[in-house]
N, C-alpha and C. Protein backbone atom coordinates (compact mmCIF):
# COMPACT_ATOMS: atom_id res chain seq x y z
N MET A 1 6.73 28.75 16.04
CA MET A 1 7.35 28.50 14.74
C MET A 1 6.38 27.71 13.86
N GLU A 2 6.22 28.14 12.63
CA GLU A 2 5.29 27.49 11.71
C GLU A 2 5.89 26.18 11.19
N ARG A 3 5.08 25.11 11.22
CA ARG A 3 5.53 23.81 10.72
C ARG A 3 5.26 23.75 9.23
N LEU A 4 6.30 23.44 8.48
CA LEU A 4 6.18 23.29 7.03
C LEU A 4 6.51 21.85 6.66
N TYR A 5 5.73 21.31 5.73
CA TYR A 5 5.92 19.94 5.30
C TYR A 5 6.32 19.90 3.82
N SER A 6 7.13 18.93 3.49
CA SER A 6 7.45 18.69 2.08
C SER A 6 6.27 17.98 1.42
N VAL A 7 6.26 17.96 0.11
CA VAL A 7 5.21 17.25 -0.63
C VAL A 7 5.27 15.76 -0.29
N ASP A 8 6.47 15.21 -0.15
CA ASP A 8 6.61 13.80 0.22
C ASP A 8 5.98 13.51 1.57
N ARG A 9 6.22 14.39 2.54
CA ARG A 9 5.68 14.20 3.88
C ARG A 9 4.15 14.28 3.87
N VAL A 10 3.60 15.24 3.13
CA VAL A 10 2.15 15.37 3.03
C VAL A 10 1.56 14.12 2.39
N ALA A 11 2.21 13.61 1.36
CA ALA A 11 1.74 12.38 0.71
C ALA A 11 1.72 11.23 1.72
N ASP A 12 2.76 11.12 2.54
CA ASP A 12 2.80 10.07 3.57
C ASP A 12 1.69 10.25 4.60
N LEU A 13 1.50 11.49 5.05
CA LEU A 13 0.48 11.76 6.07
C LEU A 13 -0.93 11.44 5.56
N LEU A 14 -1.18 11.72 4.28
CA LEU A 14 -2.52 11.53 3.73
C LEU A 14 -2.69 10.20 3.02
N GLY A 15 -1.61 9.44 2.86
CA GLY A 15 -1.72 8.17 2.17
C GLY A 15 -1.96 8.34 0.68
N LEU A 16 -1.38 9.38 0.11
CA LEU A 16 -1.54 9.67 -1.31
C LEU A 16 -0.20 9.53 -2.03
N HIS A 17 -0.28 9.46 -3.34
CA HIS A 17 0.94 9.45 -4.15
C HIS A 17 1.48 10.87 -4.21
N VAL A 18 2.79 11.01 -4.27
CA VAL A 18 3.43 12.32 -4.32
C VAL A 18 2.91 13.14 -5.51
N ARG A 19 2.72 12.49 -6.66
CA ARG A 19 2.21 13.21 -7.84
C ARG A 19 0.82 13.78 -7.61
N THR A 20 0.00 13.07 -6.84
CA THR A 20 -1.34 13.56 -6.53
C THR A 20 -1.25 14.84 -5.71
N VAL A 21 -0.39 14.85 -4.70
CA VAL A 21 -0.23 16.04 -3.87
C VAL A 21 0.31 17.20 -4.70
N ARG A 22 1.29 16.94 -5.55
CA ARG A 22 1.82 18.00 -6.43
C ARG A 22 0.72 18.57 -7.33
N GLY A 23 -0.15 17.68 -7.82
CA GLY A 23 -1.27 18.13 -8.65
C GLY A 23 -2.20 19.04 -7.87
N TYR A 24 -2.49 18.70 -6.62
CA TYR A 24 -3.34 19.56 -5.78
C TYR A 24 -2.71 20.92 -5.59
N VAL A 25 -1.39 20.95 -5.42
CA VAL A 25 -0.69 22.21 -5.24
C VAL A 25 -0.75 23.03 -6.53
N ARG A 26 -0.45 22.40 -7.66
CA ARG A 26 -0.48 23.11 -8.94
C ARG A 26 -1.87 23.63 -9.30
N ASP A 27 -2.90 22.84 -8.94
CA ASP A 27 -4.29 23.26 -9.21
C ASP A 27 -4.77 24.33 -8.26
N GLY A 28 -4.01 24.59 -7.21
CA GLY A 28 -4.41 25.60 -6.24
C GLY A 28 -5.35 25.06 -5.17
N ARG A 29 -5.62 23.76 -5.18
CA ARG A 29 -6.50 23.18 -4.16
C ARG A 29 -5.81 23.07 -2.81
N LEU A 30 -4.49 22.92 -2.82
CA LEU A 30 -3.71 22.84 -1.59
C LEU A 30 -2.70 23.99 -1.63
N LYS A 31 -2.83 24.89 -0.68
CA LYS A 31 -1.96 26.05 -0.62
C LYS A 31 -0.54 25.64 -0.24
N ALA A 32 0.44 26.17 -0.97
CA ALA A 32 1.84 25.85 -0.70
C ALA A 32 2.71 27.02 -1.11
N VAL A 33 3.91 27.06 -0.57
CA VAL A 33 4.89 28.06 -0.97
C VAL A 33 6.05 27.33 -1.62
N ARG A 34 6.65 28.00 -2.57
CA ARG A 34 7.79 27.39 -3.25
C ARG A 34 9.06 27.96 -2.63
N ILE A 35 9.90 27.07 -2.15
CA ILE A 35 11.19 27.47 -1.59
C ILE A 35 12.25 26.77 -2.43
N GLY A 36 12.94 27.55 -3.24
CA GLY A 36 13.88 26.95 -4.19
C GLY A 36 13.10 26.17 -5.22
N LYS A 37 13.42 24.90 -5.37
CA LYS A 37 12.71 24.04 -6.32
C LYS A 37 11.66 23.17 -5.64
N GLN A 38 11.48 23.35 -4.35
CA GLN A 38 10.57 22.49 -3.58
C GLN A 38 9.35 23.27 -3.10
N TYR A 39 8.22 22.58 -3.03
CA TYR A 39 7.03 23.13 -2.41
C TYR A 39 7.06 22.81 -0.92
N ARG A 40 6.54 23.72 -0.12
CA ARG A 40 6.36 23.48 1.31
C ARG A 40 4.92 23.84 1.66
N ILE A 41 4.30 22.99 2.47
CA ILE A 41 2.91 23.16 2.85
C ILE A 41 2.86 23.42 4.35
N ALA A 42 2.20 24.52 4.74
CA ALA A 42 2.07 24.86 6.15
C ALA A 42 1.08 23.90 6.81
N HIS A 43 1.34 23.60 8.07
CA HIS A 43 0.47 22.69 8.83
C HIS A 43 -0.98 23.18 8.80
N GLU A 44 -1.17 24.47 9.00
CA GLU A 44 -2.52 25.04 9.02
C GLU A 44 -3.20 24.88 7.66
N ASP A 45 -2.46 25.06 6.56
CA ASP A 45 -3.03 24.91 5.22
C ASP A 45 -3.40 23.45 4.95
N LEU A 46 -2.62 22.54 5.48
CA LEU A 46 -2.93 21.12 5.34
C LEU A 46 -4.23 20.78 6.08
N GLU A 47 -4.40 21.35 7.27
CA GLU A 47 -5.64 21.12 8.01
C GLU A 47 -6.85 21.73 7.31
N VAL A 48 -6.68 22.89 6.70
CA VAL A 48 -7.78 23.50 5.93
C VAL A 48 -8.12 22.61 4.75
N PHE A 49 -7.11 22.10 4.07
CA PHE A 49 -7.32 21.24 2.90
C PHE A 49 -8.06 19.96 3.27
N THR A 50 -7.67 19.33 4.38
CA THR A 50 -8.29 18.06 4.76
C THR A 50 -9.59 18.26 5.53
N GLY A 51 -9.79 19.43 6.10
CA GLY A 51 -10.99 19.68 6.89
C GLY A 51 -10.94 19.00 8.24
N ARG A 52 -9.75 18.61 8.66
CA ARG A 52 -9.60 17.96 9.96
C ARG A 52 -8.23 18.27 10.53
N SER A 53 -8.08 17.98 11.81
CA SER A 53 -6.81 18.19 12.47
C SER A 53 -5.82 17.13 12.00
N VAL A 54 -4.64 17.58 11.64
CA VAL A 54 -3.59 16.65 11.19
C VAL A 54 -2.51 16.66 12.25
N SER A 55 -2.33 15.53 12.90
CA SER A 55 -1.31 15.46 13.93
C SER A 55 -0.11 14.71 13.38
N THR A 56 1.05 15.19 13.73
CA THR A 56 2.27 14.51 13.33
C THR A 56 2.80 13.77 14.55
N PRO A 57 3.30 12.58 14.34
CA PRO A 57 3.75 11.77 15.48
C PRO A 57 4.98 12.36 16.16
N THR A 58 4.99 12.27 17.48
CA THR A 58 6.18 12.63 18.25
C THR A 58 7.14 11.45 18.19
N PRO A 59 8.39 11.62 18.54
CA PRO A 59 9.31 10.47 18.53
C PRO A 59 8.82 9.31 19.40
N GLU A 60 8.16 9.63 20.52
CA GLU A 60 7.66 8.58 21.41
C GLU A 60 6.53 7.79 20.75
N THR A 61 5.55 8.51 20.16
CA THR A 61 4.43 7.81 19.53
C THR A 61 4.86 7.14 18.23
N ALA A 62 5.82 7.72 17.56
CA ALA A 62 6.30 7.12 16.31
C ALA A 62 6.94 5.76 16.58
N ALA A 63 7.67 5.64 17.68
CA ALA A 63 8.29 4.35 18.02
C ALA A 63 7.23 3.30 18.31
N ARG A 64 6.11 3.70 18.92
CA ARG A 64 5.04 2.76 19.22
C ARG A 64 4.24 2.41 17.98
N GLN A 65 4.22 3.30 16.99
CA GLN A 65 3.45 3.09 15.77
C GLN A 65 4.37 2.84 14.59
N ARG A 66 5.38 2.07 14.80
CA ARG A 66 6.39 1.82 13.77
C ARG A 66 5.75 1.32 12.49
N HIS A 67 6.16 1.88 11.39
CA HIS A 67 5.65 1.48 10.08
C HIS A 67 6.82 0.94 9.27
N VAL A 68 6.64 -0.23 8.73
CA VAL A 68 7.66 -0.83 7.88
C VAL A 68 7.09 -0.91 6.48
N GLU A 69 7.81 -0.37 5.51
CA GLU A 69 7.33 -0.39 4.14
C GLU A 69 8.33 -1.15 3.28
N VAL A 70 7.80 -1.96 2.38
CA VAL A 70 8.61 -2.74 1.46
C VAL A 70 8.51 -2.11 0.08
N SER A 71 9.63 -1.95 -0.59
CA SER A 71 9.66 -1.50 -1.98
C SER A 71 10.04 -2.71 -2.83
N SER A 72 9.14 -3.08 -3.73
CA SER A 72 9.39 -4.25 -4.57
C SER A 72 9.28 -3.87 -6.03
N ILE A 73 10.20 -4.37 -6.83
CA ILE A 73 10.12 -4.20 -8.27
C ILE A 73 10.11 -5.59 -8.88
N VAL A 74 9.06 -5.86 -9.62
CA VAL A 74 8.90 -7.16 -10.26
C VAL A 74 8.97 -6.94 -11.76
N GLU A 75 9.84 -7.67 -12.43
CA GLU A 75 9.95 -7.60 -13.88
C GLU A 75 9.51 -8.93 -14.46
N VAL A 76 8.54 -8.86 -15.36
CA VAL A 76 8.00 -10.08 -15.98
C VAL A 76 8.29 -10.00 -17.47
N GLU A 77 9.01 -10.98 -17.98
CA GLU A 77 9.32 -11.03 -19.41
C GLU A 77 8.39 -12.01 -20.11
N ALA A 78 8.28 -11.86 -21.41
CA ALA A 78 7.47 -12.74 -22.25
C ALA A 78 6.03 -12.79 -21.74
N ILE A 79 5.44 -11.62 -21.55
CA ILE A 79 4.07 -11.52 -21.06
C ILE A 79 3.21 -10.83 -22.13
N SER A 80 2.05 -11.40 -22.38
CA SER A 80 1.17 -10.85 -23.40
C SER A 80 0.48 -9.58 -22.90
N VAL A 81 -0.04 -8.82 -23.82
CA VAL A 81 -0.78 -7.60 -23.48
C VAL A 81 -1.97 -7.96 -22.59
N ASP A 82 -2.70 -9.03 -22.94
CA ASP A 82 -3.87 -9.43 -22.17
C ASP A 82 -3.52 -9.82 -20.74
N THR A 83 -2.46 -10.59 -20.57
CA THR A 83 -2.06 -11.00 -19.23
C THR A 83 -1.57 -9.80 -18.43
N ALA A 84 -0.81 -8.92 -19.06
CA ALA A 84 -0.34 -7.71 -18.38
C ALA A 84 -1.52 -6.86 -17.93
N SER A 85 -2.52 -6.78 -18.78
CA SER A 85 -3.72 -6.02 -18.43
C SER A 85 -4.45 -6.66 -17.25
N ARG A 86 -4.53 -7.99 -17.24
CA ARG A 86 -5.18 -8.70 -16.13
C ARG A 86 -4.43 -8.45 -14.82
N VAL A 87 -3.11 -8.51 -14.88
CA VAL A 87 -2.31 -8.28 -13.68
C VAL A 87 -2.52 -6.85 -13.18
N SER A 88 -2.44 -5.90 -14.08
CA SER A 88 -2.60 -4.49 -13.71
C SER A 88 -3.98 -4.22 -13.12
N THR A 89 -5.02 -4.76 -13.74
CA THR A 89 -6.39 -4.58 -13.24
C THR A 89 -6.55 -5.20 -11.86
N LEU A 90 -6.02 -6.40 -11.69
CA LEU A 90 -6.10 -7.09 -10.41
C LEU A 90 -5.43 -6.27 -9.31
N LEU A 91 -4.21 -5.82 -9.57
CA LEU A 91 -3.48 -5.06 -8.56
C LEU A 91 -4.17 -3.75 -8.21
N THR A 92 -4.70 -3.09 -9.21
CA THR A 92 -5.42 -1.85 -8.97
C THR A 92 -6.67 -2.11 -8.13
N GLY A 93 -7.33 -3.21 -8.41
CA GLY A 93 -8.56 -3.55 -7.69
C GLY A 93 -8.35 -3.95 -6.25
N VAL A 94 -7.23 -4.58 -5.95
CA VAL A 94 -7.02 -5.06 -4.59
C VAL A 94 -6.17 -4.12 -3.74
N ALA A 95 -5.63 -3.08 -4.34
CA ALA A 95 -4.83 -2.12 -3.57
C ALA A 95 -5.77 -1.30 -2.69
N VAL A 96 -5.68 -1.52 -1.41
CA VAL A 96 -6.55 -0.82 -0.46
C VAL A 96 -5.70 -0.23 0.65
N HIS A 97 -6.28 0.75 1.32
CA HIS A 97 -5.62 1.33 2.48
C HIS A 97 -6.06 0.57 3.72
N ARG A 98 -5.10 0.21 4.53
CA ARG A 98 -5.40 -0.42 5.81
C ARG A 98 -4.88 0.50 6.90
N GLY A 99 -5.74 1.34 7.43
CA GLY A 99 -5.31 2.27 8.48
C GLY A 99 -4.29 3.24 7.94
N ASP A 100 -3.11 3.25 8.54
CA ASP A 100 -2.06 4.19 8.15
C ASP A 100 -1.09 3.60 7.14
N ALA A 101 -1.41 2.45 6.58
CA ALA A 101 -0.48 1.78 5.68
C ALA A 101 -1.00 1.84 4.24
N PRO A 102 -0.65 2.91 3.51
CA PRO A 102 -1.11 2.99 2.12
C PRO A 102 -0.42 1.96 1.24
N VAL A 103 -1.11 1.54 0.21
CA VAL A 103 -0.55 0.62 -0.78
C VAL A 103 -0.42 1.40 -2.07
N ARG A 104 0.79 1.46 -2.60
CA ARG A 104 1.01 2.19 -3.86
C ARG A 104 1.54 1.20 -4.89
N ILE A 105 0.92 1.23 -6.06
CA ILE A 105 1.30 0.30 -7.12
C ILE A 105 1.41 1.07 -8.43
N GLU A 106 2.46 0.78 -9.16
CA GLU A 106 2.65 1.33 -10.51
C GLU A 106 2.94 0.14 -11.42
N THR A 107 2.32 0.13 -12.59
CA THR A 107 2.62 -0.91 -13.58
C THR A 107 2.95 -0.25 -14.90
N VAL A 108 3.91 -0.84 -15.59
CA VAL A 108 4.31 -0.35 -16.92
C VAL A 108 4.47 -1.56 -17.83
N TYR A 109 3.90 -1.46 -19.02
CA TYR A 109 4.03 -2.55 -19.98
C TYR A 109 4.74 -2.05 -21.22
N ASP A 110 5.79 -2.75 -21.61
CA ASP A 110 6.54 -2.44 -22.82
C ASP A 110 6.12 -3.46 -23.87
N GLU A 111 5.22 -3.05 -24.75
CA GLU A 111 4.66 -3.97 -25.74
C GLU A 111 5.72 -4.46 -26.72
N GLU A 112 6.65 -3.60 -27.07
CA GLU A 112 7.70 -3.96 -28.02
C GLU A 112 8.56 -5.12 -27.51
N ARG A 113 8.83 -5.12 -26.21
CA ARG A 113 9.67 -6.16 -25.61
C ARG A 113 8.85 -7.23 -24.87
N ALA A 114 7.54 -7.08 -24.84
CA ALA A 114 6.64 -7.99 -24.11
C ALA A 114 7.10 -8.14 -22.67
N ARG A 115 7.36 -6.99 -22.04
CA ARG A 115 7.90 -6.97 -20.69
C ARG A 115 7.03 -6.06 -19.82
N MET A 116 6.78 -6.50 -18.61
CA MET A 116 5.99 -5.72 -17.65
C MET A 116 6.83 -5.46 -16.41
N LYS A 117 6.72 -4.24 -15.90
CA LYS A 117 7.39 -3.90 -14.65
C LYS A 117 6.31 -3.48 -13.66
N ILE A 118 6.39 -4.03 -12.46
CA ILE A 118 5.43 -3.74 -11.40
C ILE A 118 6.22 -3.20 -10.21
N VAL A 119 5.80 -2.04 -9.70
CA VAL A 119 6.43 -1.46 -8.52
C VAL A 119 5.37 -1.45 -7.42
N VAL A 120 5.71 -2.07 -6.29
CA VAL A 120 4.79 -2.13 -5.15
C VAL A 120 5.47 -1.49 -3.95
N LEU A 121 4.78 -0.54 -3.34
CA LEU A 121 5.23 0.07 -2.09
C LEU A 121 4.11 -0.16 -1.08
N ALA A 122 4.37 -1.01 -0.11
CA ALA A 122 3.34 -1.37 0.87
C ALA A 122 4.00 -1.98 2.09
N ASP A 123 3.18 -2.25 3.10
CA ASP A 123 3.75 -2.93 4.26
C ASP A 123 4.04 -4.39 3.89
N ILE A 124 4.67 -5.11 4.78
CA ILE A 124 5.12 -6.46 4.48
C ILE A 124 3.97 -7.39 4.12
N ASP A 125 2.92 -7.39 4.94
CA ASP A 125 1.80 -8.30 4.69
C ASP A 125 1.10 -8.01 3.37
N ASP A 126 0.86 -6.73 3.08
CA ASP A 126 0.21 -6.38 1.82
C ASP A 126 1.08 -6.73 0.62
N THR A 127 2.40 -6.53 0.76
CA THR A 127 3.31 -6.87 -0.33
C THR A 127 3.27 -8.36 -0.63
N VAL A 128 3.32 -9.18 0.40
CA VAL A 128 3.25 -10.64 0.21
C VAL A 128 1.95 -11.01 -0.48
N ARG A 129 0.84 -10.44 -0.01
CA ARG A 129 -0.48 -10.75 -0.58
C ARG A 129 -0.54 -10.36 -2.06
N LEU A 130 -0.04 -9.17 -2.39
CA LEU A 130 -0.07 -8.72 -3.78
C LEU A 130 0.82 -9.58 -4.68
N LEU A 131 1.98 -9.95 -4.19
CA LEU A 131 2.88 -10.77 -5.00
C LEU A 131 2.30 -12.17 -5.21
N GLU A 132 1.57 -12.67 -4.22
CA GLU A 132 0.90 -13.96 -4.41
C GLU A 132 -0.18 -13.86 -5.49
N TYR A 133 -0.89 -12.75 -5.53
CA TYR A 133 -1.90 -12.54 -6.59
C TYR A 133 -1.23 -12.52 -7.96
N VAL A 134 -0.11 -11.79 -8.07
CA VAL A 134 0.61 -11.72 -9.33
C VAL A 134 1.05 -13.11 -9.76
N LYS A 135 1.60 -13.86 -8.83
CA LYS A 135 2.05 -15.22 -9.14
C LYS A 135 0.88 -16.08 -9.63
N ALA A 136 -0.26 -15.98 -8.97
CA ALA A 136 -1.43 -16.79 -9.37
C ALA A 136 -1.87 -16.47 -10.79
N VAL A 137 -1.89 -15.19 -11.15
CA VAL A 137 -2.30 -14.81 -12.51
C VAL A 137 -1.28 -15.29 -13.52
N LEU A 138 -0.02 -15.16 -13.21
CA LEU A 138 1.02 -15.56 -14.15
C LEU A 138 1.08 -17.07 -14.34
N GLU A 139 0.70 -17.84 -13.32
CA GLU A 139 0.74 -19.29 -13.44
C GLU A 139 -0.55 -19.86 -14.00
N SER A 140 -1.59 -19.03 -14.16
CA SER A 140 -2.87 -19.56 -14.67
C SER A 140 -2.87 -19.64 -16.18
């Protein structure tokens, strides 16, 4: 039986953002089939795309390699454009992959309301580290 993966699953396996994977599919760089409104990627096509063997964890290995991810939304009010830019640049610069734990960060600045929203998806340690950086910039 052929193994098919959703775009979300491929993004998790490769440590990429879902939009990046969708872009690869739309550009034709990653072969996929459309089933209803969803794309599905065959295991073999994923291996061709990455140029390496892609293994999916079994229930036994998954339990040993447990991954905990934190979703954090930080809203900062009364923040200047310059400070928001500093925070965004800092977060982008320090977001790194540590093994199988991708760090995903999105920032949005509403200039009209002087409000910034930060979304962090990362493991617990990386989330704490990133939030400490944000706090340091905001308190400086």
